[in-house]
Amino acid sequence: MEGVGGESASLASPVAQWGNDAWRMYQYYLDKSTPHATYRWIGALAIVAIYCLRVLYIQGFYIISYGLGIYILNLLIGFLSPLVDPELEASNGPLLPTKDSDEFKPFIRRLPEFKFWYSFTKAFCIAFVMTFFSVFDVPVFWPILLCYWIVLFVLTMRRQIAHMIKYKYIPVNIGKQKYKGKKPSASSSGSRAD
């Protein structure tokens, strides 16, 4: 009895150890990429370009692309939405400032930028792998899917922009005032005359 259990444990142990080490290395590099948003998004756009070239070259897998588009639209809505919806929390008063005299409250996203990037990139990688299996190549008339996705995108973004205007929040940092610390005065930086 001991020999049988000992063999399976010794075989599973190196495989489990290798999987654990691989996951740790993956997480290490993922954590190191966190402050480098520009390079992360450049890499994600490269993956998007590779996926698009693959779909164009094969002339298929449009249903995967449509599902991917719906998923990306869902991620974008989460990225543009506040963590706490002011429409649902109306009983406690508005959470976002609506007047200049209101207290400043920073915009906190429902889906942070890093998670948005990670889910976006992972979705394109999964979709790319799916293009290698013919079972996912369902024949569809792609112009209808494209028109339907564009209509869905326009209606969703119109509703989201109306929500932003109603509750006066801007989910991007473009055009926002940036506050800097106090500037050192010229008199305090000079040498003392003793």
Protein backbone atom coordinates (compact mmCIF):
# COMPACT_ATOMS: atom_id res chain seq x y z
CA MET A 1 0.00 0.00 0.00
CA GLU A 2 2.77 2.44 0.87
CA GLY A 3 4.62 1.96 -2.41
CA VAL A 4 1.58 2.82 -4.56
CA GLY A 5 0.82 6.07 -2.72
CA GLY A 6 4.47 7.04 -2.57
CA GLU A 7 4.95 6.67 -6.35
CA SER A 8 1.99 8.85 -7.29
CA ALA A 9 3.03 11.47 -4.76
CA SER A 10 6.57 11.56 -6.15
CA LEU A 11 5.27 11.89 -9.74
CA ALA A 12 2.78 14.61 -8.87
CA SER A 13 5.21 16.57 -6.78
CA PRO A 14 7.62 17.66 -9.59
CA VAL A 15 4.72 18.50 -11.91
CA ALA A 16 2.98 20.53 -9.20
CA GLN A 17 6.29 22.20 -8.29
CA TRP A 18 6.94 23.12 -11.94
CA GLY A 19 3.42 24.52 -12.30
CA ASN A 20 3.83 26.53 -9.11
CA ASP A 21 7.21 27.89 -10.27
CA ALA A 22 5.82 28.82 -13.69
CA TRP A 23 2.84 30.61 -12.09
CA ARG A 24 5.16 32.49 -9.73
CA MET A 25 7.39 33.64 -12.59
CA TYR A 26 4.33 34.71 -14.60
CA GLN A 27 2.97 36.68 -11.62
CA TYR A 28 6.41 38.24 -11.01
CA TYR A 29 6.63 39.64 -14.54
CA LEU A 30 2.99 40.70 -14.44
CA ASP A 31 3.68 42.66 -11.24
CA LYS A 32 6.80 44.24 -12.75
CA SER A 33 4.75 45.44 -15.75
CA THR A 34 2.21 47.27 -13.59
CA PRO A 35 3.80 50.77 -13.64
CA HIS A 36 4.59 50.62 -17.38
CA ALA A 37 1.14 51.32 -18.82
CA THR A 38 2.35 52.64 -22.19
CA TYR A 39 4.47 49.58 -22.93
CA ARG A 40 1.70 47.25 -21.76
CA TRP A 41 -0.78 48.83 -24.15
CA ILE A 42 1.73 48.78 -27.02
CA GLY A 43 2.13 45.04 -26.42
CA ALA A 44 -1.64 44.60 -26.28
CA LEU A 45 -2.05 46.47 -29.58
CA ALA A 46 0.59 44.19 -31.13
CA ILE A 47 -1.47 41.18 -30.02
CA VAL A 48 -4.61 42.80 -31.48
CA ALA A 49 -2.79 43.35 -34.79
CA ILE A 50 -1.63 39.71 -34.89
CA TYR A 51 -5.19 38.53 -34.19
CA CYS A 52 -6.66 40.80 -36.89
CA LEU A 53 -4.08 39.63 -39.44
CA ARG A 54 -4.88 36.00 -38.59
CA VAL A 55 -8.64 36.53 -39.04
CA LEU A 56 -8.12 38.44 -42.30
CA TYR A 57 -5.73 35.82 -43.64
CA ILE A 58 -8.04 32.90 -42.82
CA GLN A 59 -11.22 34.76 -43.86
CA GLY A 60 -13.18 33.18 -41.03
CA PHE A 61 -13.85 33.03 -37.31
CA TYR A 62 -16.10 36.09 -37.48
CA ILE A 63 -18.35 34.79 -34.71
CA ILE A 64 -15.32 34.70 -32.37
CA SER A 65 -14.50 38.26 -33.36
CA TYR A 66 -18.09 39.31 -32.67
CA GLY A 67 -18.06 37.68 -29.23
CA LEU A 68 -14.69 39.30 -28.56
CA GLY A 69 -16.11 42.69 -29.57
CA ILE A 70 -19.05 42.29 -27.17
CA TYR A 71 -16.66 41.31 -24.36
CA ILE A 72 -14.37 44.30 -25.05
CA LEU A 73 -17.41 46.61 -25.06
CA ASN A 74 -18.41 45.21 -21.66
CA LEU A 75 -14.87 45.84 -20.35
CA LEU A 76 -14.94 49.39 -21.73
CA ILE A 77 -18.21 50.14 -19.93
CA GLY A 78 -16.68 48.92 -16.66
CA PHE A 79 -13.59 51.03 -17.30
CA LEU A 80 -15.64 54.19 -17.92
CA SER A 81 -18.06 53.68 -15.02
CA PRO A 82 -17.54 54.87 -11.44
CA LEU A 83 -17.11 52.28 -8.70
CA VAL A 84 -20.26 53.45 -6.95
CA ASP A 85 -23.02 54.45 -9.33
CA PRO A 86 -24.45 57.81 -8.21
CA GLU A 87 -27.80 56.82 -9.70
CA LEU A 88 -28.13 53.86 -7.32
CA GLU A 89 -26.79 55.70 -4.26
CA ALA A 90 -29.21 58.66 -4.55
CA SER A 91 -30.50 58.14 -1.01
CA ASN A 92 -27.16 59.16 0.53
CA GLY A 93 -26.81 62.18 -1.74
CA PRO A 94 -24.52 62.52 -4.75
CA LEU A 95 -21.13 60.88 -4.33
CA LEU A 96 -19.46 62.81 -7.13
CA PRO A 97 -19.18 66.59 -6.76
CA THR A 98 -21.82 68.42 -8.77
CA LYS A 99 -20.93 72.02 -7.84
CA ASP A 100 -17.66 73.89 -7.45
CA SER A 101 -18.31 74.23 -3.72
CA ASP A 102 -18.66 70.45 -3.26
CA GLU A 103 -15.81 68.50 -1.78
CA PHE A 104 -13.45 66.96 -4.35
CA LYS A 105 -13.83 63.20 -4.62
CA PRO A 106 -11.53 61.39 -7.02
CA PHE A 107 -12.95 59.25 -9.78
CA ILE A 108 -12.58 55.59 -8.86
CA ARG A 109 -13.25 53.18 -11.71
CA ARG A 110 -15.37 50.08 -11.43
CA LEU A 111 -12.70 48.29 -13.51
CA PRO A 112 -9.16 49.62 -12.87
CA GLU A 113 -6.84 50.23 -15.82
CA PHE A 114 -4.55 47.27 -15.06
CA LYS A 115 -7.44 44.80 -14.84
CA PHE A 116 -8.90 46.30 -18.02
CA TRP A 117 -5.58 45.80 -19.84
CA TYR A 118 -5.13 42.30 -18.43
CA SER A 119 -8.64 41.15 -19.40
CA PHE A 120 -8.35 42.83 -22.82
CA THR A 121 -5.03 41.13 -23.59
CA LYS A 122 -6.12 37.76 -22.22
CA ALA A 123 -9.30 37.88 -24.33
CA PHE A 124 -7.35 38.49 -27.53
CA CYS A 125 -4.90 35.70 -26.68
CA ILE A 126 -7.75 33.25 -26.06
CA ALA A 127 -9.49 34.32 -29.26
CA PHE A 128 -6.22 33.87 -31.18
CA VAL A 129 -5.85 30.31 -29.87
CA MET A 130 -9.49 29.60 -30.77
CA THR A 131 -8.74 30.45 -34.42
CA PHE A 132 -6.65 27.26 -34.65
CA PHE A 133 -9.71 25.02 -34.07
CA SER A 134 -12.15 24.67 -36.95
CA VAL A 135 -15.04 23.86 -34.61
CA PHE A 136 -15.23 27.59 -33.77
CA ASP A 137 -15.38 28.67 -37.43
CA VAL A 138 -19.16 29.01 -37.67
CA PRO A 139 -20.22 30.31 -41.10
CA VAL A 140 -21.98 33.65 -40.67
CA PHE A 141 -22.65 36.69 -42.81
CA TRP A 142 -20.16 39.01 -41.12
CA PRO A 143 -21.50 42.39 -42.38
CA ILE A 144 -24.69 41.84 -40.35
CA LEU A 145 -22.64 41.11 -37.21
CA LEU A 146 -20.50 44.18 -37.82
CA CYS A 147 -23.54 46.45 -38.30
CA TYR A 148 -25.20 45.03 -35.20
CA TRP A 149 -22.03 45.54 -33.14
CA ILE A 150 -21.69 49.16 -34.35
CA VAL A 151 -25.32 49.88 -33.43
CA LEU A 152 -24.79 48.26 -30.03
CA PHE A 153 -21.59 50.28 -29.49
CA VAL A 154 -23.23 53.60 -30.44
CA LEU A 155 -26.29 53.03 -28.24
CA THR A 156 -24.20 51.89 -25.27
CA MET A 157 -21.73 54.77 -25.52
CA ARG A 158 -24.56 57.29 -25.93
CA ARG A 159 -26.10 56.01 -22.70
CA GLN A 160 -22.72 56.05 -20.94
CA ILE A 161 -21.90 59.59 -22.09
CA ALA A 162 -25.36 60.78 -21.00
CA HIS A 163 -24.66 59.25 -17.57
CA MET A 164 -21.29 61.08 -17.43
CA ILE A 165 -22.93 64.38 -18.31
CA LYS A 166 -25.78 63.90 -15.84
CA TYR A 167 -23.47 63.17 -12.90
CA LYS A 168 -20.60 65.41 -14.09
CA TYR A 169 -17.67 63.02 -14.06
CA ILE A 170 -14.85 62.53 -16.53
CA PRO A 171 -13.18 59.11 -16.45
CA VAL A 172 -9.99 60.25 -18.24
CA ASN A 173 -7.22 62.55 -17.04
CA ILE A 174 -7.06 64.66 -20.21
CA GLY A 175 -7.83 68.29 -19.44
CA LYS A 176 -8.04 67.84 -15.68
CA GLN A 177 -6.17 70.26 -13.46
CA LYS A 178 -3.04 68.75 -11.93
CA TYR A 179 -1.98 69.82 -8.49
CA LYS A 180 1.69 70.09 -7.67
CA GLY A 181 3.40 70.59 -4.34
CA LYS A 182 4.70 73.92 -3.11
CA LYS A 183 7.59 75.39 -5.04
CA PRO A 184 10.69 76.08 -2.95
CA SER A 185 11.22 79.78 -2.40
CA ALA A 186 14.39 81.40 -3.75
CA SER A 187 15.30 83.04 -0.42
CA SER A 188 15.37 79.78 1.54
CA SER A 189 17.67 78.05 -0.94
CA GLY A 190 20.47 80.66 -0.66
CA SER A 191 23.40 80.34 1.69
CA ARG A 192 23.28 81.78 5.17
CA ALA A 193 25.42 84.81 6.01
CA ASP A 194 26.83 84.12 9.48
